[in-house]
N, C-alpha and C. Protein backbone atom coordinates (compact mmCIF):
# COMPACT_ATOMS: atom_id res chain seq x y z
N MET A 1 110.56 51.83 179.67
CA MET A 1 109.45 52.38 178.90
C MET A 1 109.96 52.70 177.49
N LYS A 2 109.21 52.29 176.49
CA LYS A 2 109.56 52.60 175.11
C LYS A 2 109.34 54.10 174.85
N SER A 3 110.12 54.63 173.94
CA SER A 3 109.99 56.05 173.60
C SER A 3 108.61 56.38 173.07
N SER A 4 108.02 55.49 172.29
CA SER A 4 106.67 55.75 171.77
C SER A 4 105.65 55.80 172.90
N ASP A 5 105.82 54.95 173.91
CA ASP A 5 104.92 55.00 175.08
C ASP A 5 105.10 56.31 175.84
N LEU A 6 106.35 56.74 175.98
CA LEU A 6 106.65 58.00 176.65
C LEU A 6 105.97 59.16 175.92
N PHE A 7 106.12 59.21 174.60
CA PHE A 7 105.53 60.29 173.82
C PHE A 7 104.00 60.25 173.88
N GLU A 8 103.43 59.09 173.66
CA GLU A 8 101.97 58.98 173.66
C GLU A 8 101.37 59.29 175.02
N SER A 9 102.09 58.94 176.09
CA SER A 9 101.59 59.30 177.42
C SER A 9 101.65 60.81 177.63
N ALA A 10 102.63 61.48 177.02
CA ALA A 10 102.71 62.94 177.11
C ALA A 10 101.54 63.59 176.37
N ILE A 11 101.13 63.01 175.25
CA ILE A 11 99.99 63.55 174.51
C ILE A 11 98.70 63.29 175.30
N GLU A 12 98.60 62.14 175.94
CA GLU A 12 97.44 61.88 176.82
C GLU A 12 97.41 62.88 177.97
N TRP A 13 98.58 63.15 178.55
CA TRP A 13 98.68 64.14 179.62
C TRP A 13 98.22 65.51 179.12
N LEU A 14 98.64 65.87 177.90
CA LEU A 14 98.22 67.16 177.32
C LEU A 14 96.70 67.22 177.21
N GLN A 15 96.10 66.16 176.74
CA GLN A 15 94.64 66.13 176.63
C GLN A 15 93.99 66.34 178.00
N GLN A 16 94.47 65.64 179.00
CA GLN A 16 93.89 65.72 180.34
C GLN A 16 94.10 67.09 180.99
N ASN A 17 95.16 67.77 180.63
CA ASN A 17 95.51 69.04 181.27
C ASN A 17 95.33 70.26 180.37
N TYR A 18 94.77 70.05 179.20
CA TYR A 18 94.67 71.11 178.20
C TYR A 18 93.99 72.37 178.74
N SER A 19 92.93 72.18 179.49
CA SER A 19 92.17 73.34 179.98
C SER A 19 92.93 74.15 181.03
N ASN A 20 94.05 73.65 181.51
CA ASN A 20 94.87 74.40 182.47
C ASN A 20 95.81 75.39 181.79
N TYR A 21 95.84 75.37 180.46
CA TYR A 21 96.76 76.21 179.70
C TYR A 21 95.99 77.09 178.73
N ARG A 22 96.64 78.16 178.31
CA ARG A 22 96.11 79.03 177.26
C ARG A 22 97.18 79.09 176.18
N PHE A 23 96.94 78.41 175.08
CA PHE A 23 97.91 78.35 174.00
C PHE A 23 97.61 79.42 172.96
N TYR A 24 98.67 79.97 172.37
CA TYR A 24 98.53 80.97 171.33
C TYR A 24 99.15 80.51 170.01
N THR A 25 100.21 79.74 170.12
CA THR A 25 100.92 79.30 168.91
C THR A 25 101.29 77.83 169.03
N GLU A 26 101.67 77.27 167.90
CA GLU A 26 102.16 75.88 167.86
C GLU A 26 103.32 75.71 168.83
N ARG A 27 104.20 76.68 168.88
CA ARG A 27 105.38 76.58 169.75
C ARG A 27 104.97 76.44 171.22
N ASP A 28 103.87 77.06 171.63
CA ASP A 28 103.39 76.90 173.01
C ASP A 28 103.08 75.44 173.31
N ILE A 29 102.46 74.77 172.34
CA ILE A 29 102.12 73.35 172.50
C ILE A 29 103.41 72.52 172.58
N VAL A 30 104.33 72.76 171.64
CA VAL A 30 105.58 72.00 171.61
C VAL A 30 106.34 72.20 172.92
N TRP A 31 106.43 73.43 173.39
CA TRP A 31 107.14 73.72 174.64
C TRP A 31 106.50 72.97 175.81
N THR A 32 105.18 72.97 175.88
CA THR A 32 104.48 72.30 176.98
C THR A 32 104.73 70.80 176.95
N VAL A 33 104.65 70.20 175.77
CA VAL A 33 104.92 68.76 175.65
C VAL A 33 106.38 68.46 175.97
N GLN A 34 107.29 69.29 175.46
CA GLN A 34 108.72 69.09 175.72
C GLN A 34 109.02 69.19 177.22
N THR A 35 108.45 70.16 177.88
CA THR A 35 108.66 70.33 179.31
C THR A 35 108.14 69.13 180.09
N HIS A 36 106.96 68.66 179.72
CA HIS A 36 106.40 67.48 180.39
C HIS A 36 107.27 66.25 180.13
N LEU A 37 107.69 66.05 178.89
CA LEU A 37 108.56 64.91 178.58
C LEU A 37 109.84 64.96 179.40
N ASN A 38 110.46 66.12 179.50
CA ASN A 38 111.69 66.23 180.29
C ASN A 38 111.44 65.91 181.76
N SER A 39 110.30 66.32 182.29
CA SER A 39 109.96 65.99 183.68
C SER A 39 109.82 64.49 183.86
N GLU A 40 109.15 63.84 182.91
CA GLU A 40 108.96 62.39 183.00
C GLU A 40 110.29 61.64 182.84
N ILE A 41 111.14 62.11 181.96
CA ILE A 41 112.45 61.49 181.76
C ILE A 41 113.26 61.58 183.04
N THR A 42 113.25 62.74 183.68
CA THR A 42 113.96 62.91 184.94
C THR A 42 113.35 62.04 186.03
N ARG A 43 112.03 62.05 186.12
CA ARG A 43 111.34 61.28 187.17
C ARG A 43 111.63 59.79 187.06
N HIS A 44 111.71 59.28 185.85
CA HIS A 44 111.95 57.84 185.63
C HIS A 44 113.42 57.51 185.39
N ASN A 45 114.28 58.52 185.54
CA ASN A 45 115.73 58.33 185.37
C ASN A 45 116.05 57.64 184.04
N MET A 46 115.49 58.18 182.98
CA MET A 46 115.67 57.62 181.64
C MET A 46 116.83 58.31 180.94
N PRO A 47 117.49 57.63 180.00
CA PRO A 47 118.62 58.23 179.28
C PRO A 47 118.20 59.13 178.12
N HIS A 48 116.94 59.29 177.89
CA HIS A 48 116.43 60.03 176.74
C HIS A 48 116.70 61.53 176.85
N ARG A 49 116.74 62.17 175.67
CA ARG A 49 116.83 63.63 175.60
C ARG A 49 115.78 64.11 174.60
N VAL A 50 115.27 65.30 174.84
CA VAL A 50 114.21 65.87 173.99
C VAL A 50 114.71 67.19 173.42
N PHE A 51 114.50 67.36 172.11
CA PHE A 51 114.90 68.59 171.44
C PHE A 51 113.76 69.09 170.57
N ASN A 52 113.68 70.39 170.44
CA ASN A 52 112.73 70.97 169.49
C ASN A 52 113.51 71.52 168.30
N ASP A 53 112.80 71.68 167.18
CA ASP A 53 113.39 72.27 165.98
C ASP A 53 114.70 71.57 165.61
N TYR A 54 114.64 70.25 165.51
CA TYR A 54 115.81 69.39 165.33
C TYR A 54 115.94 68.98 163.86
N THR A 55 117.11 69.21 163.27
CA THR A 55 117.32 68.89 161.86
C THR A 55 117.36 67.38 161.64
N LEU A 56 116.45 66.91 160.76
CA LEU A 56 116.43 65.49 160.38
C LEU A 56 116.73 65.31 158.91
N LEU A 57 115.97 65.98 158.08
CA LEU A 57 116.17 65.93 156.64
C LEU A 57 116.85 67.23 156.22
N GLN A 58 117.56 67.18 155.12
CA GLN A 58 118.24 68.39 154.65
C GLN A 58 117.24 69.55 154.57
N LYS A 59 117.56 70.62 155.26
CA LYS A 59 116.74 71.84 155.30
C LYS A 59 115.36 71.60 155.91
N ARG A 60 115.18 70.55 156.69
CA ARG A 60 113.88 70.30 157.32
C ARG A 60 114.10 69.90 158.76
N ARG A 61 113.43 70.60 159.65
CA ARG A 61 113.56 70.34 161.08
C ARG A 61 112.26 69.78 161.63
N ALA A 62 112.39 68.80 162.50
CA ALA A 62 111.22 68.25 163.19
C ALA A 62 110.88 69.16 164.36
N ASP A 63 109.60 69.31 164.63
CA ASP A 63 109.17 70.16 165.75
C ASP A 63 109.69 69.63 167.08
N LEU A 64 109.71 68.30 167.22
CA LEU A 64 110.13 67.70 168.49
C LEU A 64 110.72 66.32 168.19
N VAL A 65 111.82 66.00 168.85
CA VAL A 65 112.39 64.65 168.75
C VAL A 65 112.75 64.14 170.13
N ILE A 66 112.73 62.82 170.25
CA ILE A 66 113.22 62.15 171.45
C ILE A 66 114.38 61.27 171.02
N LEU A 67 115.54 61.50 171.63
CA LEU A 67 116.72 60.70 171.34
C LEU A 67 116.98 59.75 172.50
N ASN A 68 117.44 58.57 172.16
CA ASN A 68 117.89 57.59 173.14
C ASN A 68 119.25 57.12 172.66
N ASN A 69 120.28 57.40 173.44
CA ASN A 69 121.65 57.08 173.05
C ASN A 69 121.99 57.69 171.68
N ASN A 70 121.61 58.93 171.51
CA ASN A 70 121.87 59.71 170.29
C ASN A 70 121.20 59.17 169.03
N ILE A 71 120.22 58.32 169.19
CA ILE A 71 119.43 57.80 168.07
C ILE A 71 118.04 58.41 168.16
N VAL A 72 117.57 58.97 167.04
CA VAL A 72 116.23 59.57 167.03
C VAL A 72 115.21 58.44 167.03
N GLU A 73 114.55 58.28 168.16
CA GLU A 73 113.52 57.25 168.26
C GLU A 73 112.15 57.81 167.91
N ILE A 74 111.92 59.08 168.23
CA ILE A 74 110.63 59.72 167.96
C ILE A 74 110.87 61.06 167.27
N ALA A 75 110.11 61.30 166.22
CA ALA A 75 110.06 62.62 165.60
C ALA A 75 108.59 63.01 165.53
N ALA A 76 108.31 64.25 165.83
CA ALA A 76 106.91 64.70 165.82
C ALA A 76 106.79 66.06 165.16
N GLU A 77 105.73 66.18 164.38
CA GLU A 77 105.35 67.45 163.77
C GLU A 77 104.01 67.86 164.37
N PHE A 78 103.90 69.13 164.73
CA PHE A 78 102.67 69.65 165.32
C PHE A 78 102.11 70.78 164.46
N LYS A 79 100.82 70.86 164.44
CA LYS A 79 100.11 72.02 163.91
C LYS A 79 99.04 72.36 164.94
N TYR A 80 98.75 73.67 165.06
CA TYR A 80 97.78 74.13 166.05
C TYR A 80 96.88 75.18 165.43
N GLU A 81 95.59 74.88 165.43
CA GLU A 81 94.58 75.84 164.97
C GLU A 81 93.75 76.25 166.19
N PRO A 82 93.94 77.48 166.69
CA PRO A 82 93.15 77.93 167.84
C PRO A 82 91.68 78.08 167.44
N SER A 83 90.83 78.04 168.42
CA SER A 83 89.40 78.24 168.18
C SER A 83 89.18 79.62 167.57
N HIS A 84 88.37 79.65 166.53
CA HIS A 84 88.06 80.94 165.88
C HIS A 84 87.14 81.78 166.77
N ASN A 85 86.61 81.20 167.82
CA ASN A 85 85.85 81.98 168.81
C ASN A 85 86.75 82.88 169.64
N ARG A 86 88.06 82.70 169.51
CA ARG A 86 89.01 83.57 170.21
C ARG A 86 89.32 84.82 169.41
N ASN A 87 88.62 85.03 168.31
CA ASN A 87 88.75 86.20 167.45
C ASN A 87 88.58 87.47 168.28
N ALA A 88 89.52 88.39 168.16
CA ALA A 88 89.49 89.63 168.94
C ALA A 88 88.24 90.46 168.64
N ASP A 89 87.69 90.34 167.43
CA ASP A 89 86.46 91.06 167.11
C ASP A 89 85.27 90.52 167.91
N LEU A 90 85.43 89.33 168.46
CA LEU A 90 84.38 88.72 169.29
C LEU A 90 84.80 88.75 170.76
N CYS A 91 85.62 89.73 171.13
CA CYS A 91 86.15 89.88 172.50
C CYS A 91 87.12 88.77 172.86
N GLY A 92 87.75 88.17 171.86
CA GLY A 92 88.73 87.13 172.10
C GLY A 92 90.13 87.70 172.25
N ASP A 93 91.13 86.82 172.21
CA ASP A 93 92.50 87.23 172.47
C ASP A 93 93.45 86.99 171.30
N ILE A 94 92.90 86.73 170.11
CA ILE A 94 93.72 86.54 168.92
C ILE A 94 93.15 87.43 167.81
N PRO A 95 94.00 88.25 167.17
CA PRO A 95 93.50 89.14 166.12
C PRO A 95 92.80 88.36 165.00
N LYS A 96 91.72 88.94 164.51
CA LYS A 96 90.89 88.30 163.48
C LYS A 96 91.71 87.89 162.26
N GLY A 97 92.65 88.73 161.86
CA GLY A 97 93.45 88.46 160.67
C GLY A 97 94.36 87.25 160.77
N LYS A 98 94.49 86.67 161.94
CA LYS A 98 95.35 85.50 162.13
C LYS A 98 94.68 84.20 161.68
N PHE A 99 93.36 84.21 161.51
CA PHE A 99 92.63 82.97 161.20
C PHE A 99 92.43 82.79 159.71
N PRO A 100 92.46 81.59 159.21
CA PRO A 100 92.97 80.40 159.89
C PRO A 100 94.49 80.48 160.04
N VAL A 101 94.99 79.89 161.10
CA VAL A 101 96.42 79.89 161.38
C VAL A 101 97.12 78.84 160.50
N VAL A 102 96.49 77.70 160.36
CA VAL A 102 97.06 76.54 159.67
C VAL A 102 96.44 76.42 158.29
N SER A 103 97.23 75.97 157.33
CA SER A 103 96.66 75.63 156.02
C SER A 103 96.58 74.10 155.93
N TRP A 104 95.53 73.61 155.32
CA TRP A 104 95.34 72.17 155.19
C TRP A 104 96.49 71.55 154.39
N THR A 105 97.01 72.28 153.43
CA THR A 105 98.15 71.80 152.64
C THR A 105 99.35 71.52 153.54
N GLU A 106 99.59 72.39 154.52
CA GLU A 106 100.70 72.18 155.45
C GLU A 106 100.46 70.98 156.35
N VAL A 107 99.21 70.75 156.73
CA VAL A 107 98.88 69.56 157.52
C VAL A 107 99.22 68.31 156.72
N GLU A 108 98.82 68.29 155.46
CA GLU A 108 99.10 67.14 154.60
C GLU A 108 100.61 66.96 154.38
N LYS A 109 101.34 68.07 154.27
CA LYS A 109 102.80 67.98 154.12
C LYS A 109 103.43 67.36 155.36
N ASP A 110 102.94 67.72 156.55
CA ASP A 110 103.47 67.13 157.78
C ASP A 110 103.25 65.62 157.80
N ILE A 111 102.08 65.18 157.35
CA ILE A 111 101.79 63.75 157.32
C ILE A 111 102.76 63.03 156.39
N HIS A 112 103.01 63.60 155.23
CA HIS A 112 103.99 63.01 154.31
C HIS A 112 105.40 63.07 154.88
N ARG A 113 105.70 64.15 155.56
CA ARG A 113 107.04 64.33 156.13
C ARG A 113 107.33 63.25 157.18
N VAL A 114 106.37 62.95 158.04
CA VAL A 114 106.64 61.92 159.06
C VAL A 114 106.79 60.54 158.41
N LYS A 115 106.09 60.31 157.32
CA LYS A 115 106.31 59.06 156.57
C LYS A 115 107.74 59.01 156.06
N ASP A 116 108.23 60.14 155.55
CA ASP A 116 109.61 60.21 155.06
C ASP A 116 110.62 60.00 156.19
N TYR A 117 110.36 60.57 157.36
CA TYR A 117 111.27 60.38 158.49
C TYR A 117 111.49 58.89 158.77
N VAL A 118 110.41 58.13 158.74
CA VAL A 118 110.50 56.71 159.05
C VAL A 118 111.05 55.92 157.87
N SER A 119 110.53 56.16 156.68
CA SER A 119 111.00 55.38 155.51
C SER A 119 112.47 55.64 155.20
N SER A 120 112.94 56.84 155.50
CA SER A 120 114.35 57.18 155.28
C SER A 120 115.23 56.82 156.48
N LYS A 121 114.60 56.23 157.49
CA LYS A 121 115.29 55.77 158.71
C LYS A 121 115.92 56.91 159.52
N TYR A 122 115.32 58.09 159.45
CA TYR A 122 115.76 59.20 160.29
C TYR A 122 115.13 59.12 161.67
N ALA A 123 114.04 58.36 161.79
CA ALA A 123 113.36 58.16 163.07
C ALA A 123 112.73 56.78 163.05
N LYS A 124 112.66 56.17 164.23
CA LYS A 124 112.01 54.86 164.33
C LYS A 124 110.49 54.99 164.26
N VAL A 125 109.97 56.03 164.93
CA VAL A 125 108.53 56.30 164.96
C VAL A 125 108.36 57.80 164.76
N ALA A 126 107.34 58.17 163.99
CA ALA A 126 107.10 59.60 163.76
C ALA A 126 105.61 59.88 163.82
N TYR A 127 105.28 61.07 164.31
CA TYR A 127 103.89 61.48 164.50
C TYR A 127 103.65 62.82 163.82
N SER A 128 102.44 62.98 163.33
CA SER A 128 101.96 64.28 162.88
C SER A 128 100.66 64.53 163.65
N ILE A 129 100.60 65.66 164.33
CA ILE A 129 99.44 65.96 165.18
C ILE A 129 98.94 67.37 164.88
N LEU A 130 97.70 67.44 164.47
CA LEU A 130 97.02 68.73 164.32
C LEU A 130 96.07 68.87 165.49
N ILE A 131 96.28 69.88 166.31
CA ILE A 131 95.34 70.19 167.39
C ILE A 131 94.39 71.24 166.86
N ASP A 132 93.15 70.84 166.71
CA ASP A 132 92.11 71.67 166.09
C ASP A 132 91.15 72.11 167.19
N GLU A 133 91.51 73.23 167.83
CA GLU A 133 90.83 73.68 169.04
C GLU A 133 89.35 73.99 168.84
N GLY A 134 88.97 74.47 167.70
CA GLY A 134 87.56 74.80 167.48
C GLY A 134 86.88 73.92 166.44
N LYS A 135 87.55 72.83 166.07
CA LYS A 135 87.06 71.90 165.04
C LYS A 135 86.88 72.57 163.68
N TRP A 136 87.73 73.53 163.37
CA TRP A 136 87.69 74.24 162.09
C TRP A 136 87.90 73.28 160.92
N PHE A 137 88.83 72.33 161.09
CA PHE A 137 89.18 71.39 160.03
C PHE A 137 88.47 70.04 160.17
N ARG A 138 87.75 69.84 161.22
CA ARG A 138 87.18 68.52 161.54
C ARG A 138 86.30 67.96 160.43
N ARG A 139 85.69 68.81 159.64
CA ARG A 139 84.80 68.34 158.58
C ARG A 139 85.57 67.71 157.41
N LYS A 140 86.87 67.96 157.35
CA LYS A 140 87.68 67.39 156.27
C LYS A 140 87.95 65.91 156.54
N PRO A 141 87.96 65.10 155.49
CA PRO A 141 88.28 63.68 155.70
C PRO A 141 89.74 63.53 156.13
N ALA A 142 89.98 62.59 157.01
CA ALA A 142 91.35 62.33 157.46
C ALA A 142 92.16 61.75 156.30
N PRO A 143 93.34 62.28 156.05
CA PRO A 143 94.19 61.70 155.00
C PRO A 143 94.55 60.25 155.33
N VAL A 144 94.93 59.51 154.32
CA VAL A 144 95.31 58.11 154.50
C VAL A 144 96.40 58.01 155.58
N GLY A 145 96.22 57.09 156.50
CA GLY A 145 97.18 56.90 157.57
C GLY A 145 96.95 57.80 158.77
N SER A 146 95.85 58.54 158.75
CA SER A 146 95.52 59.47 159.84
C SER A 146 94.12 59.17 160.35
N GLU A 147 93.83 59.69 161.53
CA GLU A 147 92.48 59.57 162.06
C GLU A 147 92.14 60.78 162.91
N TRP A 148 90.87 61.16 162.84
CA TRP A 148 90.37 62.22 163.72
C TRP A 148 90.03 61.60 165.06
N ILE A 149 90.43 62.28 166.12
CA ILE A 149 90.09 61.86 167.48
C ILE A 149 89.46 63.06 168.16
N ASP A 150 88.25 62.89 168.67
CA ASP A 150 87.60 63.98 169.40
C ASP A 150 88.13 63.98 170.82
N TRP A 151 88.77 65.08 171.18
CA TRP A 151 89.37 65.22 172.51
C TRP A 151 88.39 65.78 173.52
N MET A 152 87.67 66.79 173.10
CA MET A 152 86.72 67.49 173.97
C MET A 152 85.54 67.89 173.11
N GLU A 153 84.56 68.53 173.73
CA GLU A 153 83.35 68.91 173.01
C GLU A 153 83.65 69.72 171.75
N ASN A 154 84.51 70.69 171.84
CA ASN A 154 84.82 71.55 170.70
C ASN A 154 86.27 71.44 170.26
N MET A 155 86.82 70.24 170.35
CA MET A 155 88.22 70.09 170.03
C MET A 155 88.50 68.69 169.50
N SER A 156 89.27 68.64 168.42
CA SER A 156 89.68 67.36 167.84
C SER A 156 91.17 67.41 167.53
N ILE A 157 91.75 66.24 167.39
CA ILE A 157 93.11 66.18 166.87
C ILE A 157 93.10 65.26 165.65
N LEU A 158 93.96 65.58 164.71
CA LEU A 158 94.22 64.70 163.58
C LEU A 158 95.53 64.00 163.92
N TRP A 159 95.47 62.69 164.09
CA TRP A 159 96.58 61.89 164.60
C TRP A 159 97.13 61.00 163.49
N SER A 160 98.42 61.08 163.26
CA SER A 160 99.10 60.21 162.29
C SER A 160 100.32 59.63 162.98
N LYS A 161 100.46 58.33 162.87
CA LYS A 161 101.62 57.65 163.46
C LYS A 161 102.23 56.74 162.40
N GLN A 162 103.52 56.88 162.21
CA GLN A 162 104.26 56.05 161.26
C GLN A 162 105.37 55.34 162.02
N GLN A 163 105.56 54.08 161.70
CA GLN A 163 106.63 53.33 162.35
C GLN A 163 107.18 52.26 161.41
N THR A 164 108.38 51.81 161.74
CA THR A 164 109.02 50.78 160.91
C THR A 164 108.36 49.43 161.13
């Protein structure tokens, strides 16, 4: 199995199982994907390794990488915007002052960063994924090289994939 297939199947798994989890931060998403990837790697007896917060560019760490024989085959950047309906003032579980969690500028930086990972040959394939739980950003046009994908009724992801 190619590393890109492994990663994309993990994201499909996340979509299918999303309602079984309660995420609070980007790190919760990364941990869940990393844990699933490690399970799949073990199950298929693959030589791959998965790391979070992995240094690729000087002073810049990728949220998640998949290595095969010590070569970074996949680098991924994640952003997570929880539903604003989870506002504690509305009996939710996230303090009102936390929203919005993500800035659109940071989303755009991640998209450029994954392009740099690939063009600089730090990774063979790189992804930028914004999980937009309440569709807060969905009205914005997708940056070049990205696309909005509706995952659920009130949830979209902004998907960017770069490869050599």
